Amino acid sequence: MNLIDQYMQRSHEIIGECTPEEAQYDLNVIECLKKHGKIRKALNQANKKYPKEAINYNDGNINDIESHYFYILNHMEILNR
């Protein structure tokens, strides 16, 4: 398996499967992150727009959520190159 295939397999494991609604939620979070760079603001906006997909966050999990979304953002930028 070449390096690109390994990367794609690992990224799929990290990102995982999602419904179309979850994908729209994630894209909304990412767009807000690009614009404002603040995860809480991004989550609040997405939670209002997609309440069924809302992620509950707190001081204990916000860093993990932020890391996850920045990973997705970086992954999307890599794929666009």
PDB file of N, CA and C in Angstrom:
ATOM      1  N   MET A   1       0.854  -1.178   0.000  1.00  0.00           N
ATOM      2  CA  MET A   1       0.000   0.000   0.000  1.00  0.00           C
ATOM      3  C   MET A   1       0.900   1.242   0.000  1.00  0.00           C
ATOM      4  N   ASN A   2       0.606   2.177  -0.913  1.00  0.00           N
ATOM      5  CA  ASN A   2       1.442   3.366  -0.993  1.00  0.00           C
ATOM      6  C   ASN A   2       1.039   4.389   0.085  1.00  0.00           C
ATOM      7  N   LEU A   3       1.807   5.433   0.186  1.00  0.00           N
ATOM      8  CA  LEU A   3       1.622   6.437   1.232  1.00  0.00           C
ATOM      9  C   LEU A   3       0.254   7.116   1.151  1.00  0.00           C
ATOM     10  N   ILE A   4      -0.205   7.432  -0.037  1.00  0.00           N
ATOM     11  CA  ILE A   4      -1.508   8.085  -0.204  1.00  0.00           C
ATOM     12  C   ILE A   4      -2.630   7.161   0.249  1.00  0.00           C
ATOM     13  N   ASP A   5      -2.554   5.905  -0.132  1.00  0.00           N
ATOM     14  CA  ASP A   5      -3.569   4.943   0.302  1.00  0.00           C
ATOM     15  C   ASP A   5      -3.575   4.796   1.819  1.00  0.00           C
ATOM     16  N   GLN A   6      -2.396   4.779   2.418  1.00  0.00           N
ATOM     17  CA  GLN A   6      -2.299   4.692   3.879  1.00  0.00           C
ATOM     18  C   GLN A   6      -2.927   5.917   4.543  1.00  0.00           C
ATOM     19  N   TYR A   7      -2.627   7.083   3.986  1.00  0.00           N
ATOM     20  CA  TYR A   7      -3.198   8.318   4.521  1.00  0.00           C
ATOM     21  C   TYR A   7      -4.725   8.294   4.429  1.00  0.00           C
ATOM     22  N   MET A   8      -5.244   7.909   3.275  1.00  0.00           N
ATOM     23  CA  MET A   8      -6.687   7.881   3.074  1.00  0.00           C
ATOM     24  C   MET A   8      -7.363   6.876   4.002  1.00  0.00           C
ATOM     25  N   GLN A   9      -6.748   5.731   4.195  1.00  0.00           N
ATOM     26  CA  GLN A   9      -7.311   4.728   5.093  1.00  0.00           C
ATOM     27  C   GLN A   9      -7.336   5.254   6.531  1.00  0.00           C
ATOM     28  N   ARG A  10      -6.250   5.856   6.961  1.00  0.00           N
ATOM     29  CA  ARG A  10      -6.174   6.382   8.325  1.00  0.00           C
ATOM     30  C   ARG A  10      -7.147   7.546   8.517  1.00  0.00           C
ATOM     31  N   SER A  11      -7.261   8.424   7.544  1.00  0.00           N
ATOM     32  CA  SER A  11      -8.184   9.546   7.671  1.00  0.00           C
ATOM     33  C   SER A  11      -9.625   9.053   7.746  1.00  0.00           C
ATOM     34  N   HIS A  12      -9.948   8.023   7.004  1.00  0.00           N
ATOM     35  CA  HIS A  12     -11.293   7.455   7.067  1.00  0.00           C
ATOM     36  C   HIS A  12     -11.575   6.891   8.460  1.00  0.00           C
ATOM     37  N   GLU A  13     -10.575   6.271   9.068  1.00  0.00           N
ATOM     38  CA  GLU A  13     -10.739   5.751  10.428  1.00  0.00           C
ATOM     39  C   GLU A  13     -10.983   6.886  11.424  1.00  0.00           C
ATOM     40  N   ILE A  14     -10.298   7.991  11.245  1.00  0.00           N
ATOM     41  CA  ILE A  14     -10.426   9.122  12.166  1.00  0.00           C
ATOM     42  C   ILE A  14     -11.754   9.852  11.954  1.00  0.00           C
ATOM     43  N   ILE A  15     -12.084  10.131  10.719  1.00  0.00           N
ATOM     44  CA  ILE A  15     -13.298  10.897  10.421  1.00  0.00           C
ATOM     45  C   ILE A  15     -14.535  10.023  10.569  1.00  0.00           C
ATOM     46  N   GLY A  16     -14.468   8.809  10.075  1.00  0.00           N
ATOM     47  CA  GLY A  16     -15.573   7.876  10.206  1.00  0.00           C
ATOM     48  C   GLY A  16     -16.700   8.117   9.215  1.00  0.00           C
ATOM     49  N   GLU A  17     -17.713   7.279   9.317  1.00  0.00           N
ATOM     50  CA  GLU A  17     -18.893   7.375   8.466  1.00  0.00           C
ATOM     51  C   GLU A  17     -19.830   8.428   9.042  1.00  0.00           C
ATOM     52  N   CYS A  18     -20.597   9.069   8.171  1.00  0.00           N
ATOM     53  CA  CYS A  18     -21.579  10.023   8.661  1.00  0.00           C
ATOM     54  C   CYS A  18     -22.765  10.094   7.706  1.00  0.00           C
ATOM     55  N   THR A  19     -23.892  10.502   8.268  1.00  0.00           N
ATOM     56  CA  THR A  19     -25.098  10.682   7.468  1.00  0.00           C
ATOM     57  C   THR A  19     -24.954  11.977   6.674  1.00  0.00           C
ATOM     58  N   PRO A  20     -25.803  12.183   5.674  1.00  0.00           N
ATOM     59  CA  PRO A  20     -25.764  13.457   4.946  1.00  0.00           C
ATOM     60  C   PRO A  20     -25.988  14.663   5.877  1.00  0.00           C
ATOM     61  N   GLU A  21     -26.847  14.496   6.869  1.00  0.00           N
ATOM     62  CA  GLU A  21     -27.103  15.581   7.813  1.00  0.00           C
ATOM     63  C   GLU A  21     -25.865  15.881   8.665  1.00  0.00           C
ATOM     64  N   GLU A  22     -25.194  14.825   9.094  1.00  0.00           N
ATOM     65  CA  GLU A  22     -23.961  15.013   9.869  1.00  0.00           C
ATOM     66  C   GLU A  22     -22.892  15.692   9.017  1.00  0.00           C
ATOM     67  N   ALA A  23     -22.832  15.324   7.747  1.00  0.00           N
ATOM     68  CA  ALA A  23     -21.860  15.948   6.847  1.00  0.00           C
ATOM     69  C   ALA A  23     -22.153  17.435   6.691  1.00  0.00           C
ATOM     70  N   GLN A  24     -23.421  17.798   6.560  1.00  0.00           N
ATOM     71  CA  GLN A  24     -23.787  19.212   6.456  1.00  0.00           C
ATOM     72  C   GLN A  24     -23.428  19.956   7.738  1.00  0.00           C
ATOM     73  N   TYR A  25     -23.680  19.343   8.869  1.00  0.00           N
ATOM     74  CA  TYR A  25     -23.310  19.937  10.156  1.00  0.00           C
ATOM     75  C   TYR A  25     -21.801  20.177  10.200  1.00  0.00           C
ATOM     76  N   ASP A  26     -21.033  19.147   9.859  1.00  0.00           N
ATOM     77  CA  ASP A  26     -19.573  19.260   9.875  1.00  0.00           C
ATOM     78  C   ASP A  26     -19.091  20.367   8.944  1.00  0.00           C
ATOM     79  N   LEU A  27     -19.665  20.442   7.760  1.00  0.00           N
ATOM     80  CA  LEU A  27     -19.270  21.495   6.823  1.00  0.00           C
ATOM     81  C   LEU A  27     -19.584  22.882   7.377  1.00  0.00           C
ATOM     82  N   ASN A  28     -20.703  23.001   8.073  1.00  0.00           N
ATOM     83  CA  ASN A  28     -21.061  24.281   8.676  1.00  0.00           C
ATOM     84  C   ASN A  28     -20.040  24.661   9.750  1.00  0.00           C
ATOM     85  N   VAL A  29     -19.655  23.705  10.580  1.00  0.00           N
ATOM     86  CA  VAL A  29     -18.642  23.953  11.607  1.00  0.00           C
ATOM     87  C   VAL A  29     -17.337  24.384  10.949  1.00  0.00           C
ATOM     88  N   ILE A  30     -16.927  23.685   9.918  1.00  0.00           N
ATOM     89  CA  ILE A  30     -15.654  23.972   9.251  1.00  0.00           C
ATOM     90  C   ILE A  30     -15.671  25.347   8.601  1.00  0.00           C
ATOM     91  N   GLU A  31     -16.758  25.688   7.943  1.00  0.00           N
ATOM     92  CA  GLU A  31     -16.852  27.017   7.323  1.00  0.00           C
ATOM     93  C   GLU A  31     -16.739  28.121   8.375  1.00  0.00           C
ATOM     94  N   CYS A  32     -17.393  27.933   9.493  1.00  0.00           N
ATOM     95  CA  CYS A  32     -17.311  28.929  10.564  1.00  0.00           C
ATOM     96  C   CYS A  32     -15.901  28.971  11.159  1.00  0.00           C
ATOM     97  N   LEU A  33     -15.259  27.815  11.281  1.00  0.00           N
ATOM     98  CA  LEU A  33     -13.868  27.791  11.762  1.00  0.00           C
ATOM     99  C   LEU A  33     -12.951  28.562  10.822  1.00  0.00           C
ATOM    100  N   LYS A  34     -13.151  28.392   9.523  1.00  0.00           N
ATOM    101  CA  LYS A  34     -12.342  29.122   8.546  1.00  0.00           C
ATOM    102  C   LYS A  34     -12.533  30.625   8.711  1.00  0.00           C
ATOM    103  N   LYS A  35     -13.761  31.019   8.952  1.00  0.00           N
ATOM    104  CA  LYS A  35     -14.099  32.430   9.035  1.00  0.00           C
ATOM    105  C   LYS A  35     -13.669  33.065  10.355  1.00  0.00           C
ATOM    106  N   HIS A  36     -13.921  32.369  11.474  1.00  0.00           N
ATOM    107  CA  HIS A  36     -13.707  32.963  12.791  1.00  0.00           C
ATOM    108  C   HIS A  36     -12.567  32.329  13.594  1.00  0.00           C
ATOM    109  N   GLY A  37     -12.244  31.065  13.308  1.00  0.00           N
ATOM    110  CA  GLY A  37     -11.170  30.387  14.017  1.00  0.00           C
ATOM    111  C   GLY A  37     -11.495  29.994  15.445  1.00  0.00           C
ATOM    112  N   LYS A  38     -12.764  30.035  15.825  1.00  0.00           N
ATOM    113  CA  LYS A  38     -13.162  29.720  17.205  1.00  0.00           C
ATOM    114  C   LYS A  38     -14.150  28.561  17.205  1.00  0.00           C
ATOM    115  N   ILE A  39     -13.779  27.482  17.872  1.00  0.00           N
ATOM    116  CA  ILE A  39     -14.589  26.272  17.849  1.00  0.00           C
ATOM    117  C   ILE A  39     -15.930  26.466  18.541  1.00  0.00           C
ATOM    118  N   ARG A  40     -15.968  27.164  19.659  1.00  0.00           N
ATOM    119  CA  ARG A  40     -17.247  27.347  20.363  1.00  0.00           C
ATOM    120  C   ARG A  40     -18.240  28.119  19.486  1.00  0.00           C
ATOM    121  N   LYS A  41     -17.768  29.143  18.834  1.00  0.00           N
ATOM    122  CA  LYS A  41     -18.629  29.919  17.939  1.00  0.00           C
ATOM    123  C   LYS A  41     -19.118  29.045  16.788  1.00  0.00           C
ATOM    124  N   ALA A  42     -18.223  28.241  16.234  1.00  0.00           N
ATOM    125  CA  ALA A  42     -18.581  27.359  15.124  1.00  0.00           C
ATOM    126  C   ALA A  42     -19.626  26.333  15.554  1.00  0.00           C
ATOM    127  N   LEU A  43     -19.441  25.743  16.720  1.00  0.00           N
ATOM    128  CA  LEU A  43     -20.397  24.754  17.210  1.00  0.00           C
ATOM    129  C   LEU A  43     -21.746  25.392  17.518  1.00  0.00           C
ATOM    130  N   ASN A  44     -21.726  26.555  18.135  1.00  0.00           N
ATOM    131  CA  ASN A  44     -22.986  27.235  18.452  1.00  0.00           C
ATOM    132  C   ASN A  44     -23.774  27.539  17.181  1.00  0.00           C
ATOM    133  N   GLN A  45     -23.093  28.006  16.155  1.00  0.00           N
ATOM    134  CA  GLN A  45     -23.757  28.310  14.890  1.00  0.00           C
ATOM    135  C   GLN A  45     -24.332  27.046  14.274  1.00  0.00           C
ATOM    136  N   ALA A  46     -23.540  25.996  14.211  1.00  0.00           N
ATOM    137  CA  ALA A  46     -24.007  24.738  13.621  1.00  0.00           C
ATOM    138  C   ALA A  46     -25.124  24.122  14.451  1.00  0.00           C
ATOM    139  N   ASN A  47     -25.031  24.226  15.770  1.00  0.00           N
ATOM    140  CA  ASN A  47     -26.072  23.673  16.641  1.00  0.00           C
ATOM    141  C   ASN A  47     -27.411  24.366  16.410  1.00  0.00           C
ATOM    142  N   LYS A  48     -27.377  25.660  16.145  1.00  0.00           N
ATOM    143  CA  LYS A  48     -28.619  26.391  15.857  1.00  0.00           C
ATOM    144  C   LYS A  48     -29.203  25.982  14.506  1.00  0.00           C
ATOM    145  N   LYS A  49     -28.335  25.815  13.537  1.00  0.00           N
ATOM    146  CA  LYS A  49     -28.786  25.489  12.187  1.00  0.00           C
ATOM    147  C   LYS A  49     -29.212  24.026  12.060  1.00  0.00           C
ATOM    148  N   TYR A  50     -28.533  23.142  12.777  1.00  0.00           N
ATOM    149  CA  TYR A  50     -28.796  21.701  12.712  1.00  0.00           C
ATOM    150  C   TYR A  50     -29.000  21.141  14.119  1.00  0.00           C
ATOM    151  N   PRO A  51     -30.111  21.474  14.772  1.00  0.00           N
ATOM    152  CA  PRO A  51     -30.305  21.075  16.182  1.00  0.00           C
ATOM    153  C   PRO A  51     -30.333  19.561  16.407  1.00  0.00           C
ATOM    154  N   LYS A  52     -30.773  18.795  15.418  1.00  0.00           N
ATOM    155  CA  LYS A  52     -30.792  17.337  15.586  1.00  0.00           C
ATOM    156  C   LYS A  52     -29.386  16.747  15.591  1.00  0.00           C
ATOM    157  N   GLU A  53     -28.442  17.446  14.999  1.00  0.00           N
ATOM    158  CA  GLU A  53     -27.056  16.975  14.928  1.00  0.00           C
ATOM    159  C   GLU A  53     -26.170  17.647  15.973  1.00  0.00           C
ATOM    160  N   ALA A  54     -26.755  18.490  16.803  1.00  0.00           N
ATOM    161  CA  ALA A  54     -25.989  19.320  17.736  1.00  0.00           C
ATOM    162  C   ALA A  54     -25.035  18.504  18.602  1.00  0.00           C
ATOM    163  N   ILE A  55     -23.855  19.057  18.776  1.00  0.00           N
ATOM    164  CA  ILE A  55     -22.849  18.461  19.647  1.00  0.00           C
ATOM    165  C   ILE A  55     -22.849  19.242  20.955  1.00  0.00           C
ATOM    166  N   ASN A  56     -22.995  18.501  22.046  1.00  0.00           N
ATOM    167  CA  ASN A  56     -22.899  19.121  23.364  1.00  0.00           C
ATOM    168  C   ASN A  56     -21.433  19.135  23.765  1.00  0.00           C
ATOM    169  N   TYR A  57     -20.962  20.307  24.096  1.00  0.00           N
ATOM    170  CA  TYR A  57     -19.560  20.424  24.486  1.00  0.00           C
ATOM    171  C   TYR A  57     -19.465  21.045  25.879  1.00  0.00           C
ATOM    172  N   ASN A  58     -18.302  20.816  26.472  1.00  0.00           N
ATOM    173  CA  ASN A  58     -18.004  21.405  27.778  1.00  0.00           C
ATOM    174  C   ASN A  58     -16.491  21.568  27.875  1.00  0.00           C
ATOM    175  N   ASP A  59     -16.026  22.088  28.988  1.00  0.00           N
ATOM    176  CA  ASP A  59     -14.584  22.304  29.146  1.00  0.00           C
ATOM    177  C   ASP A  59     -13.792  21.003  29.090  1.00  0.00           C
ATOM    178  N   GLY A  60     -14.440  19.894  29.394  1.00  0.00           N
ATOM    179  CA  GLY A  60     -13.753  18.610  29.384  1.00  0.00           C
ATOM    180  C   GLY A  60     -13.556  18.002  28.008  1.00  0.00           C
ATOM    181  N   ASN A  61     -14.415  18.372  27.048  1.00  0.00           N
ATOM    182  CA  ASN A  61     -14.295  17.741  25.730  1.00  0.00           C
ATOM    183  C   ASN A  61     -14.043  18.722  24.581  1.00  0.00           C
ATOM    184  N   ILE A  62     -14.038  20.007  24.863  1.00  0.00           N
ATOM    185  CA  ILE A  62     -13.925  20.995  23.785  1.00  0.00           C
ATOM    186  C   ILE A  62     -12.604  20.887  23.020  1.00  0.00           C
ATOM    187  N   ASN A  63     -11.527  20.558  23.708  1.00  0.00           N
ATOM    188  CA  ASN A  63     -10.231  20.442  23.019  1.00  0.00           C
ATOM    189  C   ASN A  63     -10.210  19.268  22.045  1.00  0.00           C
ATOM    190  N   ASP A  64     -10.831  18.151  22.433  1.00  0.00           N
ATOM    191  CA  ASP A  64     -10.911  16.999  21.532  1.00  0.00           C
ATOM    192  C   ASP A  64     -11.771  17.315  20.313  1.00  0.00           C
ATOM    193  N   ILE A  65     -12.881  18.002  20.540  1.00  0.00           N
ATOM    194  CA  ILE A  65     -13.765  18.387  19.435  1.00  0.00           C
ATOM    195  C   ILE A  65     -13.032  19.343  18.500  1.00  0.00           C
ATOM    196  N   GLU A  66     -12.341  20.303  19.075  1.00  0.00           N
ATOM    197  CA  GLU A  66     -11.584  21.260  18.262  1.00  0.00           C
ATOM    198  C   GLU A  66     -10.525  20.547  17.423  1.00  0.00           C
ATOM    199  N   SER A  67      -9.807  19.626  18.039  1.00  0.00           N
ATOM    200  CA  SER A  67      -8.784  18.868  17.300  1.00  0.00           C
ATOM    201  C   SER A  67      -9.406  18.086  16.151  1.00  0.00           C
ATOM    202  N   HIS A  68     -10.550  17.484  16.391  1.00  0.00           N
ATOM    203  CA  HIS A  68     -11.243  16.708  15.359  1.00  0.00           C
ATOM    204  C   HIS A  68     -11.603  17.591  14.166  1.00  0.00           C
ATOM    205  N   TYR A  69     -12.172  18.749  14.439  1.00  0.00           N
ATOM    206  CA  TYR A  69     -12.591  19.614  13.333  1.00  0.00           C
ATOM    207  C   TYR A  69     -11.411  20.264  12.613  1.00  0.00           C
ATOM    208  N   PHE A  70     -10.352  20.580  13.326  1.00  0.00           N
ATOM    209  CA  PHE A  70      -9.171  21.099  12.637  1.00  0.00           C
ATOM    210  C   PHE A  70      -8.511  20.003  11.801  1.00  0.00           C
ATOM    211  N   TYR A  71      -8.606  18.756  12.251  1.00  0.00           N
ATOM    212  CA  TYR A  71      -8.102  17.647  11.444  1.00  0.00           C
ATOM    213  C   TYR A  71      -8.896  17.562  10.140  1.00  0.00           C
ATOM    214  N   ILE A  72     -10.220  17.628  10.239  1.00  0.00           N
ATOM    215  CA  ILE A  72     -11.058  17.572   9.039  1.00  0.00           C
ATOM    216  C   ILE A  72     -10.741  18.738   8.113  1.00  0.00           C
ATOM    217  N   LEU A  73     -10.590  19.927   8.683  1.00  0.00           N
ATOM    218  CA  LEU A  73     -10.262  21.107   7.877  1.00  0.00           C
ATOM    219  C   LEU A  73      -8.944  20.908   7.140  1.00  0.00           C
ATOM    220  N   ASN A  74      -7.928  20.452   7.832  1.00  0.00           N
ATOM    221  CA  ASN A  74      -6.627  20.198   7.193  1.00  0.00           C
ATOM    222  C   ASN A  74      -6.734  19.088   6.149  1.00  0.00           C
ATOM    223  N   HIS A  75      -7.507  18.075   6.450  1.00  0.00           N
ATOM    224  CA  HIS A  75      -7.711  16.968   5.504  1.00  0.00           C
ATOM    225  C   HIS A  75      -8.344  17.478   4.219  1.00  0.00           C
ATOM    226  N   MET A  76      -9.358  18.324   4.350  1.00  0.00           N
ATOM    227  CA  MET A  76     -10.018  18.894   3.169  1.00  0.00           C
ATOM    228  C   MET A  76      -9.059  19.742   2.344  1.00  0.00           C
ATOM    229  N   GLU A  77      -8.203  20.484   3.002  1.00  0.00           N
ATOM    230  CA  GLU A  77      -7.214  21.302   2.286  1.00  0.00           C
ATOM    231  C   GLU A  77      -6.216  20.424   1.551  1.00  0.00           C
ATOM    232  N   ILE A  78      -5.816  19.317   2.149  1.00  0.00           N
ATOM    233  CA  ILE A  78      -4.898  18.384   1.497  1.00  0.00           C
ATOM    234  C   ILE A  78      -5.565  17.785   0.262  1.00  0.00           C
ATOM    235  N   LEU A  79      -6.816  17.380   0.398  1.00  0.00           N
ATOM    236  CA  LEU A  79      -7.518  16.771  -0.736  1.00  0.00           C
ATOM    237  C   LEU A  79      -7.730  17.766  -1.879  1.00  0.00           C
ATOM    238  N   ASN A  80      -7.895  19.021  -1.541  1.00  0.00           N
ATOM    239  CA  ASN A  80      -8.090  20.043  -2.580  1.00  0.00           C
ATOM    240  C   ASN A  80      -6.810  20.341  -3.361  1.00  0.00           C
ATOM    241  N   ARG A  81      -5.667  19.981  -2.803  1.00  0.00           N
ATOM    242  CA  ARG A  81      -4.405  20.190  -3.523  1.00  0.00           C
ATOM    243  C   ARG A  81      -4.247  19.087  -4.495  1.00  0.00           C
TER     244      ARG A  81
END
